[in-house]
């Protein structure tokens, strides 16, 4: 999913064994998009973006674009 700073998004991590599953369904706003070279390791250029979100709770967390979806209305 392509995102821009200021976009409202939802975290989608349905795998209950994932350590970040407790964020599943949370909503937040994109604060920063950080470029790194993770895509060189995975072979997927989309993995080279780390999306920094401020959740509705005020917590700031980082996720890959594969964990981000459009928000529920």
PDB file of N, CA and C in Angstrom:
ATOM      1  N   UNK A   1       0.848  -1.182   0.000  1.00  0.00           N
ATOM      2  CA  UNK A   1       0.000   0.000   0.000  1.00  0.00           C
ATOM      3  C   UNK A   1       0.887   1.237   0.000  1.00  0.00           C
ATOM      4  N   UNK A   2       0.645   2.131  -0.921  1.00  0.00           N
ATOM      5  CA  UNK A   2       1.362   3.400  -0.955  1.00  0.00           C
ATOM      6  C   UNK A   2       0.741   4.350   0.060  1.00  0.00           C
ATOM      7  N   UNK A   3       1.582   4.925   0.898  1.00  0.00           N
ATOM      8  CA  UNK A   3       1.107   5.868   1.899  1.00  0.00           C
ATOM      9  C   UNK A   3       1.916   7.153   1.831  1.00  0.00           C
ATOM     10  N   UNK A   4       1.332   8.198   2.362  1.00  0.00           N
ATOM     11  CA  UNK A   4       1.995   9.488   2.458  1.00  0.00           C
ATOM     12  C   UNK A   4       1.873   9.978   3.889  1.00  0.00           C
ATOM     13  N   UNK A   5       2.772  10.871   4.266  1.00  0.00           N
ATOM     14  CA  UNK A   5       2.716  11.463   5.598  1.00  0.00           C
ATOM     15  C   UNK A   5       1.347  12.119   5.777  1.00  0.00           C
ATOM     16  N   UNK A   6       0.738  11.851   6.916  1.00  0.00           N
ATOM     17  CA  UNK A   6      -0.587  12.387   7.221  1.00  0.00           C
ATOM     18  C   UNK A   6      -1.730  11.430   6.945  1.00  0.00           C
ATOM     19  N   UNK A   7      -1.463  10.340   6.204  1.00  0.00           N
ATOM     20  CA  UNK A   7      -2.516   9.355   5.916  1.00  0.00           C
ATOM     21  C   UNK A   7      -2.920   8.615   7.185  1.00  0.00           C
ATOM     22  N   UNK A   8      -4.219   8.351   7.317  1.00  0.00           N
ATOM     23  CA  UNK A   8      -4.727   7.510   8.394  1.00  0.00           C
ATOM     24  C   UNK A   8      -4.761   6.086   7.863  1.00  0.00           C
ATOM     25  N   UNK A   9      -4.204   5.146   8.633  1.00  0.00           N
ATOM     26  CA  UNK A   9      -4.102   3.751   8.193  1.00  0.00           C
ATOM     27  C   UNK A   9      -4.469   2.803   9.336  1.00  0.00           C
ATOM     28  N   UNK A  10      -4.592   1.528   8.973  1.00  0.00           N
ATOM     29  CA  UNK A  10      -4.897   0.462   9.933  1.00  0.00           C
ATOM     30  C   UNK A  10      -3.777  -0.565   9.884  1.00  0.00           C
ATOM     31  N   UNK A  11      -3.422  -1.109  11.028  1.00  0.00           N
ATOM     32  CA  UNK A  11      -2.412  -2.166  11.107  1.00  0.00           C
ATOM     33  C   UNK A  11      -3.118  -3.515  10.938  1.00  0.00           C
ATOM     34  N   UNK A  12      -2.572  -4.338  10.054  1.00  0.00           N
ATOM     35  CA  UNK A  12      -3.175  -5.645   9.751  1.00  0.00           C
ATOM     36  C   UNK A  12      -2.128  -6.734   9.947  1.00  0.00           C
ATOM     37  N   UNK A  13      -2.133  -7.346  11.131  1.00  0.00           N
ATOM     38  CA  UNK A  13      -1.223  -8.464  11.445  1.00  0.00           C
ATOM     39  C   UNK A  13      -2.075  -9.595  12.026  1.00  0.00           C
ATOM     40  N   UNK A  14      -2.742 -10.377  11.157  1.00  0.00           N
ATOM     41  CA  UNK A  14      -3.666 -11.404  11.642  1.00  0.00           C
ATOM     42  C   UNK A  14      -2.995 -12.622  12.278  1.00  0.00           C
ATOM     43  N   UNK A  15      -1.700 -12.828  12.024  1.00  0.00           N
ATOM     44  CA  UNK A  15      -0.982 -13.991  12.553  1.00  0.00           C
ATOM     45  C   UNK A  15      -0.792 -13.842  14.064  1.00  0.00           C
ATOM     46  N   UNK A  16      -1.504 -14.648  14.827  1.00  0.00           N
ATOM     47  CA  UNK A  16      -1.461 -14.556  16.291  1.00  0.00           C
ATOM     48  C   UNK A  16      -0.103 -14.928  16.876  1.00  0.00           C
ATOM     49  N   UNK A  17       0.767 -15.558  16.085  1.00  0.00           N
ATOM     50  CA  UNK A  17       2.103 -15.887  16.583  1.00  0.00           C
ATOM     51  C   UNK A  17       3.098 -14.753  16.346  1.00  0.00           C
ATOM     52  N   UNK A  18       2.711 -13.748  15.581  1.00  0.00           N
ATOM     53  CA  UNK A  18       3.582 -12.589  15.330  1.00  0.00           C
ATOM     54  C   UNK A  18       3.670 -11.757  16.607  1.00  0.00           C
ATOM     55  N   UNK A  19       4.867 -11.381  17.031  1.00  0.00           N
ATOM     56  CA  UNK A  19       5.013 -10.610  18.273  1.00  0.00           C
ATOM     57  C   UNK A  19       4.288  -9.263  18.246  1.00  0.00           C
ATOM     58  N   UNK A  20       3.996  -8.739  17.057  1.00  0.00           N
ATOM     59  CA  UNK A  20       3.287  -7.467  16.952  1.00  0.00           C
ATOM     60  C   UNK A  20       1.783  -7.629  16.729  1.00  0.00           C
ATOM     61  N   UNK A  21       1.288  -8.864  16.852  1.00  0.00           N
ATOM     62  CA  UNK A  21      -0.145  -9.108  16.631  1.00  0.00           C
ATOM     63  C   UNK A  21      -1.035  -8.240  17.521  1.00  0.00           C
ATOM     64  N   UNK A  22      -0.551  -7.872  18.704  1.00  0.00           N
ATOM     65  CA  UNK A  22      -1.393  -7.078  19.615  1.00  0.00           C
ATOM     66  C   UNK A  22      -1.738  -5.701  19.029  1.00  0.00           C
ATOM     67  N   UNK A  23      -1.058  -5.291  17.936  1.00  0.00           N
ATOM     68  CA  UNK A  23      -1.396  -4.045  17.244  1.00  0.00           C
ATOM     69  C   UNK A  23      -2.452  -4.249  16.161  1.00  0.00           C
ATOM     70  N   UNK A  24      -2.788  -5.488  15.870  1.00  0.00           N
ATOM     71  CA  UNK A  24      -3.746  -5.808  14.802  1.00  0.00           C
ATOM     72  C   UNK A  24      -5.055  -5.031  15.006  1.00  0.00           C
ATOM     73  N   UNK A  25      -5.465  -4.322  13.958  1.00  0.00           N
ATOM     74  CA  UNK A  25      -6.717  -3.569  14.005  1.00  0.00           C
ATOM     75  C   UNK A  25      -6.576  -2.144  14.523  1.00  0.00           C
ATOM     76  N   UNK A  26      -5.403  -1.796  15.062  1.00  0.00           N
ATOM     77  CA  UNK A  26      -5.186  -0.424  15.545  1.00  0.00           C
ATOM     78  C   UNK A  26      -5.117   0.534  14.354  1.00  0.00           C
ATOM     79  N   UNK A  27      -5.522   1.773  14.584  1.00  0.00           N
ATOM     80  CA  UNK A  27      -5.438   2.816  13.572  1.00  0.00           C
ATOM     81  C   UNK A  27      -4.421   3.857  14.002  1.00  0.00           C
ATOM     82  N   UNK A  28      -3.813   4.507  13.015  1.00  0.00           N
ATOM     83  CA  UNK A  28      -2.854   5.561  13.312  1.00  0.00           C
ATOM     84  C   UNK A  28      -2.650   6.445  12.103  1.00  0.00           C
ATOM     85  N   UNK A  29      -1.801   7.446  12.288  1.00  0.00           N
ATOM     86  CA  UNK A  29      -1.485   8.409  11.238  1.00  0.00           C
ATOM     87  C   UNK A  29       0.001   8.282  10.895  1.00  0.00           C
ATOM     88  N   UNK A  30       0.306   8.284   9.602  1.00  0.00           N
ATOM     89  CA  UNK A  30       1.688   8.186   9.142  1.00  0.00           C
ATOM     90  C   UNK A  30       2.416   9.472   9.509  1.00  0.00           C
ATOM     91  N   UNK A  31       3.475   9.328  10.321  1.00  0.00           N
ATOM     92  CA  UNK A  31       4.285  10.477  10.727  1.00  0.00           C
ATOM     93  C   UNK A  31       5.549  10.616   9.896  1.00  0.00           C
ATOM     94  N   UNK A  32       6.106   9.494   9.463  1.00  0.00           N
ATOM     95  CA  UNK A  32       7.371   9.518   8.740  1.00  0.00           C
ATOM     96  C   UNK A  32       7.495   8.247   7.913  1.00  0.00           C
ATOM     97  N   UNK A  33       8.172   8.353   6.793  1.00  0.00           N
ATOM     98  CA  UNK A  33       8.477   7.188   5.957  1.00  0.00           C
ATOM     99  C   UNK A  33       9.993   7.104   5.872  1.00  0.00           C
ATOM    100  N   UNK A  34      10.548   6.036   6.400  1.00  0.00           N
ATOM    101  CA  UNK A  34      11.992   5.871   6.520  1.00  0.00           C
ATOM    102  C   UNK A  34      12.455   4.853   5.488  1.00  0.00           C
ATOM    103  N   UNK A  35      13.422   5.220   4.685  1.00  0.00           N
ATOM    104  CA  UNK A  35      13.986   4.315   3.680  1.00  0.00           C
ATOM    105  C   UNK A  35      15.146   3.544   4.299  1.00  0.00           C
ATOM    106  N   UNK A  36      15.194   2.250   4.059  1.00  0.00           N
ATOM    107  CA  UNK A  36      16.333   1.440   4.480  1.00  0.00           C
ATOM    108  C   UNK A  36      16.637   0.432   3.382  1.00  0.00           C
ATOM    109  N   UNK A  37      17.507  -0.506   3.635  1.00  0.00           N
ATOM    110  CA  UNK A  37      17.861  -1.464   2.587  1.00  0.00           C
ATOM    111  C   UNK A  37      17.373  -2.881   2.876  1.00  0.00           C
ATOM    112  N   UNK A  38      16.299  -3.006   3.624  1.00  0.00           N
ATOM    113  CA  UNK A  38      15.739  -4.333   3.909  1.00  0.00           C
ATOM    114  C   UNK A  38      15.326  -5.051   2.631  1.00  0.00           C
ATOM    115  N   UNK A  39      14.902  -4.301   1.626  1.00  0.00           N
ATOM    116  CA  UNK A  39      14.505  -4.905   0.358  1.00  0.00           C
ATOM    117  C   UNK A  39      15.641  -5.644  -0.328  1.00  0.00           C
ATOM    118  N   UNK A  40      16.869  -5.232  -0.076  1.00  0.00           N
ATOM    119  CA  UNK A  40      18.023  -5.944  -0.650  1.00  0.00           C
ATOM    120  C   UNK A  40      18.136  -7.347  -0.066  1.00  0.00           C
ATOM    121  N   UNK A  41      17.726  -7.495   1.182  1.00  0.00           N
ATOM    122  CA  UNK A  41      17.792  -8.795   1.850  1.00  0.00           C
ATOM    123  C   UNK A  41      16.627  -9.684   1.427  1.00  0.00           C
ATOM    124  N   UNK A  42      15.409  -9.090   1.371  1.00  0.00           N
ATOM    125  CA  UNK A  42      14.220  -9.888   1.063  1.00  0.00           C
ATOM    126  C   UNK A  42      13.968 -10.049  -0.425  1.00  0.00           C
ATOM    127  N   UNK A  43      14.564  -9.162  -1.237  1.00  0.00           N
ATOM    128  CA  UNK A  43      14.295  -9.192  -2.670  1.00  0.00           C
ATOM    129  C   UNK A  43      13.024  -8.464  -3.050  1.00  0.00           C
ATOM    130  N   UNK A  44      12.371  -7.821  -2.086  1.00  0.00           N
ATOM    131  CA  UNK A  44      11.140  -7.078  -2.337  1.00  0.00           C
ATOM    132  C   UNK A  44      11.384  -5.615  -1.986  1.00  0.00           C
ATOM    133  N   UNK A  45      11.433  -4.754  -2.997  1.00  0.00           N
ATOM    134  CA  UNK A  45      11.730  -3.338  -2.789  1.00  0.00           C
ATOM    135  C   UNK A  45      10.739  -2.671  -1.835  1.00  0.00           C
ATOM    136  N   UNK A  46       9.494  -3.163  -1.774  1.00  0.00           N
ATOM    137  CA  UNK A  46       8.498  -2.600  -0.844  1.00  0.00           C
ATOM    138  C   UNK A  46       8.938  -2.730   0.610  1.00  0.00           C
ATOM    139  N   UNK A  47       9.800  -3.710   0.898  1.00  0.00           N
ATOM    140  CA  UNK A  47      10.287  -3.898   2.265  1.00  0.00           C
ATOM    141  C   UNK A  47      11.283  -2.823   2.690  1.00  0.00           C
ATOM    142  N   UNK A  48      11.687  -1.964   1.762  1.00  0.00           N
ATOM    143  CA  UNK A  48      12.679  -0.931   2.069  1.00  0.00           C
ATOM    144  C   UNK A  48      12.057   0.335   2.652  1.00  0.00           C
ATOM    145  N   UNK A  49      10.784   0.274   2.976  1.00  0.00           N
ATOM    146  CA  UNK A  49      10.129   1.401   3.631  1.00  0.00           C
ATOM    147  C   UNK A  49       9.649   0.992   5.005  1.00  0.00           C
ATOM    148  N   UNK A  50      10.047   1.768   5.982  1.00  0.00           N
ATOM    149  CA  UNK A  50       9.561   1.603   7.343  1.00  0.00           C
ATOM    150  C   UNK A  50       8.600   2.757   7.586  1.00  0.00           C
ATOM    151  N   UNK A  51       7.371   2.428   7.941  1.00  0.00           N
ATOM    152  CA  UNK A  51       6.326   3.428   8.124  1.00  0.00           C
ATOM    153  C   UNK A  51       6.188   3.723   9.618  1.00  0.00           C
ATOM    154  N   UNK A  52       6.463   4.947  10.015  1.00  0.00           N
ATOM    155  CA  UNK A  52       6.327   5.352  11.418  1.00  0.00           C
ATOM    156  C   UNK A  52       4.928   5.921  11.618  1.00  0.00           C
ATOM    157  N   UNK A  53       4.203   5.312  12.564  1.00  0.00           N
ATOM    158  CA  UNK A  53       2.817   5.695  12.843  1.00  0.00           C
ATOM    159  C   UNK A  53       2.663   6.234  14.254  1.00  0.00           C
ATOM    160  N   UNK A  54       1.781   7.204  14.395  1.00  0.00           N
ATOM    161  CA  UNK A  54       1.333   7.580  15.724  1.00  0.00           C
ATOM    162  C   UNK A  54      -0.067   6.998  15.859  1.00  0.00           C
ATOM    163  N   UNK A  55      -0.190   6.044  16.790  1.00  0.00           N
ATOM    164  CA  UNK A  55      -1.476   5.383  17.002  1.00  0.00           C
ATOM    165  C   UNK A  55      -2.439   6.323  17.721  1.00  0.00           C
ATOM    166  N   UNK A  56      -3.705   5.970  17.684  1.00  0.00           N
ATOM    167  CA  UNK A  56      -4.729   6.770  18.371  1.00  0.00           C
ATOM    168  C   UNK A  56      -4.445   6.875  19.862  1.00  0.00           C
ATOM    169  N   UNK A  57      -3.731   5.892  20.416  1.00  0.00           N
ATOM    170  CA  UNK A  57      -3.371   5.901  21.836  1.00  0.00           C
ATOM    171  C   UNK A  57      -2.245   6.894  22.131  1.00  0.00           C
ATOM    172  N   UNK A  58      -1.582   7.386  21.072  1.00  0.00           N
ATOM    173  CA  UNK A  58      -0.448   8.285  21.229  1.00  0.00           C
ATOM    174  C   UNK A  58       0.887   7.585  21.068  1.00  0.00           C
ATOM    175  N   UNK A  59       0.887   6.249  21.119  1.00  0.00           N
ATOM    176  CA  UNK A  59       2.118   5.475  20.958  1.00  0.00           C
ATOM    177  C   UNK A  59       2.649   5.632  19.528  1.00  0.00           C
ATOM    178  N   UNK A  60       3.972   5.715  19.377  1.00  0.00           N
ATOM    179  CA  UNK A  60       4.605   5.800  18.064  1.00  0.00           C
ATOM    180  C   UNK A  60       5.294   4.460  17.791  1.00  0.00           C
ATOM    181  N   UNK A  61       4.966   3.850  16.644  1.00  0.00           N
ATOM    182  CA  UNK A  61       5.481   2.530  16.284  1.00  0.00           C
ATOM    183  C   UNK A  61       5.873   2.511  14.810  1.00  0.00           C
ATOM    184  N   UNK A  62       6.743   1.579  14.442  1.00  0.00           N
ATOM    185  CA  UNK A  62       7.196   1.415  13.064  1.00  0.00           C
ATOM    186  C   UNK A  62       6.734   0.077  12.512  1.00  0.00           C
ATOM    187  N   UNK A  63       6.249   0.094  11.254  1.00  0.00           N
ATOM    188  CA  UNK A  63       5.821  -1.122  10.574  1.00  0.00           C
ATOM    189  C   UNK A  63       6.239  -1.076   9.126  1.00  0.00           C
ATOM    190  N   UNK A  64       6.352  -2.229   8.519  1.00  0.00           N
ATOM    191  CA  UNK A  64       6.592  -2.333   7.078  1.00  0.00           C
ATOM    192  C   UNK A  64       5.266  -2.130   6.352  1.00  0.00           C
ATOM    193  N   UNK A  65       5.348  -1.749   5.097  1.00  0.00           N
ATOM    194  CA  UNK A  65       4.136  -1.476   4.326  1.00  0.00           C
ATOM    195  C   UNK A  65       3.246  -2.708   4.194  1.00  0.00           C
ATOM    196  N   UNK A  66       3.819  -3.907   4.326  1.00  0.00           N
ATOM    197  CA  UNK A  66       3.013  -5.125   4.217  1.00  0.00           C
ATOM    198  C   UNK A  66       2.047  -5.279   5.396  1.00  0.00           C
ATOM    199  N   UNK A  67       2.268  -4.536   6.481  1.00  0.00           N
ATOM    200  CA  UNK A  67       1.398  -4.600   7.657  1.00  0.00           C
ATOM    201  C   UNK A  67       0.392  -3.456   7.718  1.00  0.00           C
ATOM    202  N   UNK A  68       0.320  -2.643   6.665  1.00  0.00           N
ATOM    203  CA  UNK A  68      -0.519  -1.448   6.648  1.00  0.00           C
ATOM    204  C   UNK A  68      -1.644  -1.614   5.633  1.00  0.00           C
ATOM    205  N   UNK A  69      -2.843  -1.234   6.046  1.00  0.00           N
ATOM    206  CA  UNK A  69      -4.021  -1.287   5.169  1.00  0.00           C
ATOM    207  C   UNK A  69      -4.796   0.024   5.278  1.00  0.00           C
ATOM    208  N   UNK A  70      -5.776   0.169   4.402  1.00  0.00           N
ATOM    209  CA  UNK A  70      -6.680   1.316   4.492  1.00  0.00           C
ATOM    210  C   UNK A  70      -7.458   1.231   5.793  1.00  0.00           C
ATOM    211  N   UNK A  71      -7.811   2.371   6.388  1.00  0.00           N
ATOM    212  CA  UNK A  71      -8.519   2.348   7.659  1.00  0.00           C
ATOM    213  C   UNK A  71      -9.962   1.908   7.490  1.00  0.00           C
ATOM    214  N   UNK A  72     -10.537   1.388   8.582  1.00  0.00           N
ATOM    215  CA  UNK A  72     -11.976   1.183   8.619  1.00  0.00           C
ATOM    216  C   UNK A  72     -12.606   2.551   8.778  1.00  0.00           C
ATOM    217  N   UNK A  73     -13.702   2.780   8.164  1.00  0.00           N
ATOM    218  CA  UNK A  73     -14.385   4.096   8.251  1.00  0.00           C
ATOM    219  C   UNK A  73     -14.994   4.300   9.596  1.00  0.00           C
TER     220      UNK A  73
END
